[in-house]
Amino acid sequence: MKFSAVDESMMARALKLAERGLWTTKPNPRVGCVIAQGETIVGEGWHERAGGPHAEVFALRAAGEKARGATVYVTLEPCAHHGRTPPCADALIAAGVARVVAATEDPFPKVDGHGLKRLRKAGIQVATGLLRDKARELNQGFFSRIERGRPWVRVKVASSVDGRIALANGESKWITGPSARADVQRWRAQSSAIVTGIGTVLADDPRLTARPRGIAARLRRSRSPASVIELRPRGARATPKAQPQISDLVPPLRVVLDSRLRTPDGAHVLDGSVPTLIVHASAAKPIDKRFDKVERIAVAAKAGRLDLADVLAALAEREVNEVQVEAGSHLVGSFLQSGFVDELLIYMAPVILGNTARPMVAMPGLASIKEGTVMTLVEQRAFGPDFRLRFLPGDHDVHGDH
C-alpha cells in the first residue's frame, strides 16, 4: 500500500513520541500515537509506564470529539484484550475514528492481528507497514522476546585502541572518560537487565545500576504529550502539567552468572538496592545468608559453565526484553561463540595498553580468518576523546534501517 507524505510525517512523529518511553515502559513495548484530521494533529500520546494507559488512550483524551472521523497513527497494533488496561481497539472504535495506520503488527499472542481484525470488522480502514523497520528497531527487545523466546543481547565493552580491557593485574578503572561512561548509563537505563559474570564481581565489585544523570534532564525537558496536551483557544495560556520524573525509571534487573555461588559477602550486587538475580549451577547450594536479599535460580551447566541459552530463556520468562552484558573477556567470548550477541558497543579510548593487558574477547583459536565473527559498523560517535562504535553481527546494509 502506498502512503502519503502526510502519513509518513505523522508516523515519524508517533515514533518520536514512542521514544520517550525508552526508560519507563518495561516490560511493555514503547508505543506512540498521533491522531490527525488531515494535516492537523488533534491529539497525541505515548505509553508512559507499564500498568498505565496506552498511547492510544492518551491521544484520544487529548483529541476529544475531534477524534471522530480522524486518522490514527500508532507505532504498534492496538491491543484487543483486557490486561491491566481495557482494549485500545475498543476505545478507537468507540471514538469513531475513520482510519488506523499501524507501523507494525504486535506478535504478542493475545494481540497478534486480533486488534486489526476488530477494527476492520467495525468498518474502520486499516493499513500497516508504514516505517515498520524503525518501529521494530525501537522495540527490538520486545520482538526478540516474543518471537525468539529470548531477549535482545547487547554487549558493552570499554577498551584501549589495541583492544585491551584491563591491565594484567585486573586494573580497568577508568579506561574511558566521564562522557563515555555517562553514555553507558543511558544504555543501561533502557535495558531490562544488566548481566555480568562472577569474575567481574570478584575483580571490580561493580554496582551494575543505572545512574542516568542525562536521562533525568531529558525526562524533565520532555512534555508528556498525551496526558498533558490541552486543546485551548489561540493565545490562551497553557496550564502547567506534571512532568515525568527520574523516579519513573524502571531499574534494570541485576544478573550475576555465578555457577558455584562464589559472590562474596558484602559485594555490592548482594545489597538488595535493586532487583537482583544470581544464576548458578544446579549442584551449587548456598551455605549462609549472603543471598537473602536477592533471588537465585539454577540452570543447566556443562564443564563448569552455565548454559547461556537456559540463562536467556529464564530471563525471557521474567519478561526481560533487552539485556546488556558487561563482563570480562571469557563471558563476552562465550556470548559471541554461542551466537547470542545482537549488538556490540565498543567504547574505545585513545590509549595503548600492550600485549600483557587483558584482551577484549577470549575465544578458542581459529583455523582460518573466514571462521571469524563478521560484524558491521552501523554507528560511530565521539564522547570527548573516546569513541563509541556500534556493531551488528553479520553483513548489513548500513544505509538502510537496522
Protein backbone atom coordinates (compact mmCIF):
# COMPACT_ATOMS: atom_id res chain seq x y z
CA MET A 1 0.00 0.00 0.00
CA LYS A 2 1.21 3.49 -0.81
CA PHE A 3 1.35 6.08 1.95
CA SER A 4 1.29 9.84 1.51
CA ALA A 5 3.89 12.33 2.69
CA VAL A 6 1.44 13.36 5.44
CA ASP A 7 1.17 9.72 6.55
CA GLU A 8 4.94 9.42 6.79
CA SER A 9 5.25 12.68 8.71
CA MET A 10 2.59 11.66 11.22
CA MET A 11 4.09 8.22 11.79
CA ALA A 12 7.55 9.74 12.22
CA ARG A 13 6.04 11.95 14.92
CA ALA A 14 4.43 8.93 16.58
CA LEU A 15 7.81 7.18 16.65
CA LYS A 16 9.40 10.22 18.26
CA LEU A 17 6.73 10.12 20.95
CA ALA A 18 7.29 6.40 21.47
CA GLU A 19 10.99 7.03 22.14
CA ARG A 20 10.02 8.92 25.30
CA GLY A 21 9.16 5.58 26.86
CA LEU A 22 12.65 4.15 26.35
CA TRP A 23 13.35 4.08 30.08
CA THR A 24 9.93 3.76 31.68
CA THR A 25 7.70 1.20 29.90
CA LYS A 26 9.48 -2.05 30.76
CA PRO A 27 8.40 -4.78 30.18
CA ASN A 28 5.84 -3.25 27.81
CA PRO A 29 6.81 -2.03 24.32
CA ARG A 30 7.39 1.66 23.62
CA VAL A 31 4.41 3.00 21.69
CA GLY A 32 3.46 6.41 20.31
CA CYS A 33 0.20 7.60 18.80
CA VAL A 34 -0.90 10.61 16.75
CA ILE A 35 -4.48 11.46 15.83
CA ALA A 36 -4.90 13.79 12.87
CA GLN A 37 -7.62 15.45 10.86
CA GLY A 38 -5.89 15.77 7.50
CA GLU A 39 -2.62 17.59 8.17
CA THR A 40 -3.69 18.86 11.60
CA ILE A 41 -2.75 16.95 14.74
CA VAL A 42 -5.68 16.94 17.17
CA GLY A 43 -4.21 14.58 19.78
CA GLU A 44 -1.08 12.63 20.52
CA GLY A 45 0.29 10.41 23.23
CA TRP A 46 2.80 7.81 24.29
CA HIS A 47 2.77 4.86 26.63
CA GLU A 48 4.49 6.13 29.74
CA ARG A 49 4.73 3.12 32.04
CA ALA A 50 3.52 -0.46 32.43
CA GLY A 51 0.13 -0.60 34.08
CA GLY A 52 -0.76 2.90 32.89
CA PRO A 53 -2.89 3.96 29.92
CA HIS A 54 -1.66 3.06 26.46
CA ALA A 55 -0.62 5.62 23.88
CA GLU A 56 -3.96 5.49 22.06
CA VAL A 57 -5.88 6.30 25.24
CA PHE A 58 -3.77 9.37 25.96
CA ALA A 59 -4.14 10.55 22.38
CA LEU A 60 -7.93 10.04 22.43
CA ARG A 61 -8.20 12.01 25.66
CA ALA A 62 -6.32 14.86 24.06
CA ALA A 63 -8.36 14.79 20.86
CA GLY A 64 -11.79 14.53 22.45
CA GLU A 65 -14.60 14.86 19.91
CA LYS A 66 -12.08 15.77 17.22
CA ALA A 67 -11.12 12.09 17.05
CA ARG A 68 -14.37 11.32 15.21
CA GLY A 69 -13.59 10.71 11.53
CA ALA A 70 -9.84 11.17 12.14
CA THR A 71 -6.83 9.07 11.16
CA VAL A 72 -4.90 7.38 13.95
CA TYR A 73 -1.18 6.73 13.51
CA VAL A 74 0.17 4.24 16.04
CA THR A 75 3.57 2.55 16.13
CA LEU A 76 2.23 -0.85 17.22
CA GLU A 77 -1.02 -2.68 16.55
CA PRO A 78 -3.71 -1.62 19.07
CA CYS A 79 -4.38 -4.27 21.70
CA ALA A 80 -7.61 -6.26 21.65
CA HIS A 81 -7.52 -7.92 25.07
CA HIS A 82 -8.13 -6.99 28.68
CA GLY A 83 -4.80 -6.82 30.50
CA ARG A 84 -4.07 -4.21 33.14
CA THR A 85 -5.96 -1.80 30.86
CA PRO A 86 -9.01 -2.23 28.55
CA PRO A 87 -8.55 -2.94 24.81
CA CYS A 88 -7.33 0.05 22.81
CA ALA A 89 -9.10 -1.27 19.70
CA ASP A 90 -12.44 -0.87 21.51
CA ALA A 91 -11.54 2.68 22.56
CA LEU A 92 -10.73 3.64 18.96
CA ILE A 93 -13.99 2.14 17.73
CA ALA A 94 -16.00 3.97 20.39
CA ALA A 95 -14.30 7.25 19.45
CA GLY A 96 -15.49 6.90 15.87
CA VAL A 97 -12.13 7.15 14.12
CA ALA A 98 -12.19 6.53 10.37
CA ARG A 99 -8.74 5.12 9.70
CA VAL A 100 -5.94 3.46 11.66
CA VAL A 101 -2.37 3.22 10.37
CA ALA A 102 -0.19 0.87 12.43
CA ALA A 103 3.54 0.77 11.79
CA THR A 104 3.77 -2.91 12.65
CA GLU A 105 1.72 -5.83 13.89
CA ASP A 106 2.02 -6.94 17.52
CA PRO A 107 3.28 -10.55 17.80
CA PHE A 108 2.09 -10.90 21.41
CA PRO A 109 -0.27 -13.91 21.28
CA LYS A 110 -3.22 -12.08 22.86
CA VAL A 111 -2.97 -9.37 20.19
CA ASP A 112 -1.29 -10.79 17.04
CA GLY A 113 -3.70 -9.48 14.43
CA HIS A 114 -6.80 -9.53 16.63
CA GLY A 115 -6.68 -5.77 17.17
CA LEU A 116 -6.53 -5.02 13.46
CA LYS A 117 -9.26 -7.58 12.74
CA ARG A 118 -11.56 -5.97 15.30
CA LEU A 119 -11.01 -2.52 13.79
CA ARG A 120 -11.77 -3.77 10.27
CA LYS A 121 -14.90 -5.55 11.48
CA ALA A 122 -16.10 -2.21 12.87
CA GLY A 123 -15.74 -0.63 9.43
CA ILE A 124 -12.53 1.24 10.16
CA GLN A 125 -9.98 1.46 7.33
CA VAL A 126 -6.74 -0.22 8.45
CA ALA A 127 -3.24 -0.07 6.97
CA THR A 128 0.06 -1.45 8.24
CA GLY A 129 3.74 -1.36 7.35
CA LEU A 130 4.49 2.37 7.40
CA LEU A 131 8.02 2.78 8.88
CA ARG A 132 7.80 -0.82 10.09
CA ASP A 133 11.59 -1.32 10.35
CA LYS A 134 12.01 1.74 12.56
CA ALA A 135 9.11 0.69 14.76
CA ARG A 136 10.57 -2.79 15.21
CA GLU A 137 14.01 -1.39 15.97
CA LEU A 138 12.54 0.78 18.71
CA ASN A 139 11.16 -2.38 20.35
CA GLN A 140 13.77 -4.88 19.23
CA GLY A 141 13.90 -6.43 22.70
CA PHE A 142 10.14 -6.92 22.90
CA PHE A 143 10.05 -8.51 19.45
CA SER A 144 13.02 -10.72 20.29
CA ARG A 145 11.41 -11.99 23.48
CA ILE A 146 8.06 -12.74 21.85
CA GLU A 147 9.32 -14.11 18.52
CA ARG A 148 12.59 -15.82 19.53
CA GLY A 149 11.92 -16.64 23.16
CA ARG A 150 14.99 -14.75 24.35
CA PRO A 151 15.92 -11.13 25.00
CA TRP A 152 17.88 -8.89 22.66
CA VAL A 153 21.52 -9.13 23.78
CA ARG A 154 23.75 -6.07 23.71
CA VAL A 155 27.38 -6.49 24.73
CA LYS A 156 29.20 -3.43 26.02
CA VAL A 157 33.00 -3.28 26.17
CA ALA A 158 35.38 -0.48 27.11
CA SER A 159 38.78 -0.97 25.52
CA SER A 160 42.04 0.59 24.51
CA VAL A 161 42.96 1.21 20.87
CA ASP A 162 44.75 -2.14 20.86
CA GLY A 163 41.68 -3.99 22.11
CA ARG A 164 42.59 -4.40 25.77
CA ILE A 165 40.06 -4.07 28.59
CA ALA A 166 42.30 -4.19 31.68
CA LEU A 167 45.91 -4.45 32.77
CA ALA A 168 47.35 -7.85 33.55
CA ASN A 169 46.66 -7.24 37.25
CA GLY A 170 42.98 -6.57 36.51
CA GLU A 171 43.05 -2.78 36.83
CA SER A 172 40.47 -1.23 34.47
CA LYS A 173 39.20 1.96 36.13
CA TRP A 174 38.97 4.03 34.11
CA ILE A 175 39.89 3.29 30.52
CA THR A 176 37.30 5.71 29.15
CA GLY A 177 36.38 9.18 30.31
CA PRO A 178 33.30 10.52 32.10
CA SER A 179 31.36 11.40 28.92
CA ALA A 180 31.62 7.86 27.59
CA ARG A 181 30.69 6.42 30.98
CA ALA A 182 27.62 8.67 31.13
CA ASP A 183 26.54 7.29 27.75
CA VAL A 184 26.85 3.76 29.14
CA GLN A 185 24.39 4.74 31.86
CA ARG A 186 21.85 5.70 29.19
CA TRP A 187 22.13 2.29 27.57
CA ARG A 188 21.89 0.65 30.97
CA ALA A 189 18.72 2.56 31.81
CA GLN A 190 16.92 1.38 28.66
CA SER A 191 17.96 -2.22 29.28
CA SER A 192 15.74 -4.65 31.15
CA ALA A 193 18.71 -6.45 32.69
CA ILE A 194 22.44 -5.98 33.13
CA VAL A 195 24.37 -9.24 33.05
CA THR A 196 27.86 -9.87 34.35
CA GLY A 197 29.95 -12.83 35.45
CA ILE A 198 31.45 -13.79 38.78
CA GLY A 199 34.91 -12.88 37.51
CA THR A 200 33.91 -9.23 37.13
CA VAL A 201 32.24 -9.24 40.55
CA LEU A 202 35.39 -10.60 42.22
CA ALA A 203 37.69 -8.23 40.34
CA ASP A 204 35.73 -4.96 40.37
CA ASP A 205 32.82 -5.30 42.84
CA PRO A 206 30.54 -3.38 40.44
CA ARG A 207 27.15 -1.92 41.43
CA LEU A 208 25.59 -2.60 37.99
CA THR A 209 22.91 0.02 38.49
CA ALA A 210 21.65 2.71 36.13
CA ARG A 211 22.65 6.19 37.28
CA PRO A 212 21.50 8.24 34.27
CA ARG A 213 22.12 11.91 35.04
CA GLY A 214 21.50 12.91 31.44
CA ILE A 215 18.26 10.95 31.29
CA ALA A 216 16.84 12.80 34.27
CA ALA A 217 17.32 16.07 32.41
CA ARG A 218 15.78 14.66 29.24
CA LEU A 219 12.75 13.43 31.16
CA ARG A 220 12.28 16.85 32.72
CA ARG A 221 12.53 18.56 29.33
CA SER A 222 10.09 16.22 27.60
CA ARG A 223 6.43 17.13 27.67
CA SER A 224 4.23 14.16 28.42
CA PRO A 225 2.34 14.63 25.16
CA ALA A 226 -0.73 12.52 25.53
CA SER A 227 -1.62 13.31 29.09
CA VAL A 228 -0.58 16.95 29.02
CA ILE A 229 -1.88 18.15 25.66
CA GLU A 230 -4.54 20.76 26.29
CA LEU A 231 -6.60 21.95 23.37
CA ARG A 232 -7.32 25.63 24.03
CA PRO A 233 -8.20 28.80 22.13
CA ARG A 234 -5.39 30.52 20.25
CA GLY A 235 -3.48 32.81 22.57
CA ALA A 236 -4.71 31.18 25.76
CA ARG A 237 -2.07 30.33 28.36
CA ALA A 238 -1.14 26.71 28.90
CA THR A 239 -1.89 25.10 32.23
CA PRO A 240 1.24 23.61 33.80
CA LYS A 241 1.18 19.81 33.87
CA ALA A 242 3.15 17.17 35.73
CA GLN A 243 6.40 16.13 34.08
CA PRO A 244 7.99 12.66 34.07
CA GLN A 245 10.37 12.21 36.97
CA ILE A 246 13.59 10.25 37.37
CA SER A 247 11.66 8.04 39.83
CA ASP A 248 9.64 6.81 36.83
CA LEU A 249 12.66 4.91 35.54
CA VAL A 250 12.32 1.15 35.85
CA PRO A 251 15.67 -0.12 37.20
CA PRO A 252 17.22 -2.92 35.16
CA LEU A 253 17.41 -6.33 36.76
CA ARG A 254 20.92 -7.02 38.00
CA VAL A 255 22.04 -10.51 36.91
CA VAL A 256 25.19 -12.31 38.03
CA LEU A 257 26.25 -15.56 36.39
CA ASP A 258 27.89 -17.36 39.31
CA SER A 259 27.93 -21.10 38.69
CA ARG A 260 29.47 -22.02 42.06
CA LEU A 261 27.92 -19.23 44.21
CA ARG A 262 31.25 -17.55 44.90
CA THR A 263 29.85 -14.00 45.19
CA PRO A 264 31.41 -12.77 48.45
CA ASP A 265 29.55 -11.40 51.44
CA GLY A 266 29.44 -7.61 51.23
CA ALA A 267 29.53 -7.45 47.43
CA HIS A 268 27.51 -4.56 46.02
CA VAL A 269 25.40 -6.92 43.92
CA LEU A 270 24.04 -8.51 47.12
CA ASP A 271 22.97 -5.25 48.78
CA GLY A 272 19.31 -5.52 47.76
CA SER A 273 19.23 -1.95 46.42
CA VAL A 274 17.74 -3.09 43.09
CA PRO A 275 16.17 -6.36 41.95
CA THR A 276 18.97 -8.89 41.56
CA LEU A 277 19.15 -12.41 40.19
CA ILE A 278 22.02 -14.80 40.89
CA VAL A 279 22.18 -17.59 38.32
CA HIS A 280 24.06 -20.72 39.36
CA ALA A 281 24.51 -24.37 38.51
CA SER A 282 22.06 -26.89 39.95
CA ALA A 283 24.75 -28.52 42.07
CA ALA A 284 25.66 -25.28 43.87
CA LYS A 285 24.00 -24.71 47.24
CA PRO A 286 24.16 -21.56 49.41
CA ILE A 287 25.85 -22.18 52.73
CA ASP A 288 24.96 -18.95 54.52
CA LYS A 289 22.67 -15.89 54.38
CA ARG A 290 24.66 -13.98 51.75
CA PHE A 291 21.88 -14.34 49.21
CA ASP A 292 18.91 -13.46 51.43
CA LYS A 293 18.29 -10.12 49.68
CA VAL A 294 18.42 -11.45 46.12
CA GLU A 295 16.73 -14.10 44.02
CA ARG A 296 18.54 -17.23 42.93
CA ILE A 297 17.81 -19.67 40.12
CA ALA A 298 19.62 -22.76 38.85
CA VAL A 299 20.21 -23.55 35.18
CA ALA A 300 22.00 -26.29 33.32
CA ALA A 301 25.79 -26.23 33.30
CA LYS A 302 28.46 -28.06 31.38
CA ALA A 303 32.17 -28.18 32.24
CA GLY A 304 31.54 -25.57 34.92
CA ARG A 305 29.92 -23.07 32.53
CA LEU A 306 26.29 -22.10 32.66
CA ASP A 307 24.18 -22.79 29.58
CA LEU A 308 23.62 -19.33 28.11
CA ALA A 309 20.54 -20.48 26.20
CA ASP A 310 18.96 -21.52 29.50
CA VAL A 311 20.00 -18.23 31.08
CA LEU A 312 18.37 -16.18 28.32
CA ALA A 313 15.24 -18.33 28.36
CA ALA A 314 14.92 -17.77 32.11
CA LEU A 315 15.26 -14.02 31.61
CA ALA A 316 12.60 -14.07 28.88
CA GLU A 317 10.25 -15.80 31.32
CA ARG A 318 10.77 -12.79 33.59
CA GLU A 319 9.71 -10.51 30.72
CA VAL A 320 13.23 -9.22 30.16
CA ASN A 321 13.34 -7.56 26.73
CA GLU A 322 16.87 -6.15 26.44
CA VAL A 323 20.00 -7.49 28.10
CA GLN A 324 23.20 -5.51 28.41
CA VAL A 325 26.22 -7.72 29.04
CA GLU A 326 29.08 -6.01 30.89
CA ALA A 327 31.60 -8.70 31.62
CA GLY A 328 35.13 -9.96 31.20
CA SER A 329 36.66 -11.39 28.05
CA HIS A 330 35.67 -15.02 28.73
CA LEU A 331 31.96 -14.37 29.20
CA VAL A 332 31.92 -11.96 26.25
CA GLY A 333 33.62 -14.65 24.19
CA SER A 334 31.05 -17.22 25.28
CA PHE A 335 28.17 -15.00 24.18
CA LEU A 336 29.84 -14.37 20.81
CA GLN A 337 30.73 -18.01 20.27
CA SER A 338 27.16 -19.06 21.11
CA GLY A 339 25.75 -16.66 18.53
CA PHE A 340 23.70 -14.73 21.08
CA VAL A 341 25.14 -11.25 20.50
CA ASP A 342 22.65 -9.00 18.70
CA GLU A 343 24.54 -5.76 19.17
CA LEU A 344 28.05 -4.80 20.22
CA LEU A 345 29.03 -1.47 21.78
CA ILE A 346 32.75 -0.76 21.97
CA TYR A 347 33.88 2.35 23.82
CA MET A 348 37.43 2.91 22.59
CA ALA A 349 39.86 5.13 24.45
CA PRO A 350 42.95 6.68 22.80
CA VAL A 351 45.42 4.66 24.84
CA ILE A 352 47.56 1.60 24.17
CA LEU A 353 47.93 -0.95 26.99
CA GLY A 354 50.22 -3.52 25.37
CA ASN A 355 50.14 -7.25 24.83
CA THR A 356 50.31 -8.22 28.50
CA ALA A 357 46.98 -6.48 29.18
CA ARG A 358 43.75 -8.49 29.09
CA PRO A 359 42.06 -8.89 25.69
CA MET A 360 38.57 -7.74 24.79
CA VAL A 361 37.42 -11.24 23.83
CA ALA A 362 38.69 -14.67 24.84
CA MET A 363 37.71 -17.38 22.35
CA PRO A 364 39.26 -20.59 21.06
CA GLY A 365 41.80 -20.14 18.30
CA LEU A 366 40.53 -20.16 14.72
CA ALA A 367 41.95 -22.19 11.87
CA SER A 368 41.00 -19.57 9.27
CA ILE A 369 40.11 -15.88 9.10
CA LYS A 370 36.89 -16.98 7.42
CA GLU A 371 35.83 -18.50 10.74
CA GLY A 372 35.85 -15.10 12.43
CA THR A 373 32.64 -13.40 13.56
CA VAL A 374 31.68 -10.83 10.93
CA MET A 375 30.42 -7.51 12.32
CA THR A 376 29.09 -4.42 10.57
CA LEU A 377 29.76 -0.95 11.93
CA VAL A 378 26.43 0.90 11.92
CA GLU A 379 27.26 3.92 14.06
CA GLN A 380 30.22 5.80 15.47
CA ARG A 381 30.15 8.72 17.84
CA ALA A 382 32.70 10.71 19.81
CA PHE A 383 32.46 11.30 23.56
CA GLY A 384 35.28 13.66 24.36
CA PRO A 385 38.49 11.85 23.44
CA ASP A 386 36.71 8.47 23.30
CA PHE A 387 34.66 6.85 20.57
CA ARG A 388 31.62 4.62 20.73
CA LEU A 389 31.45 2.08 17.92
CA ARG A 390 28.16 0.22 17.48
CA PHE A 391 28.20 -3.05 15.56
CA LEU A 392 25.58 -5.52 14.44
CA PRO A 393 26.60 -9.10 13.69
CA GLY A 394 26.71 -10.16 10.05
CA ASP A 395 26.75 -8.19 6.84
CA HIS A 396 24.23 -5.33 6.98
CA ASP A 397 23.23 -2.51 4.65
CA VAL A 398 24.44 0.47 6.68
CA HIS A 399 22.33 2.83 4.60
CA GLY A 400 19.05 1.14 5.40
CA ASP A 401 17.02 0.58 8.57
CA HIS A 402 18.60 -1.64 11.21
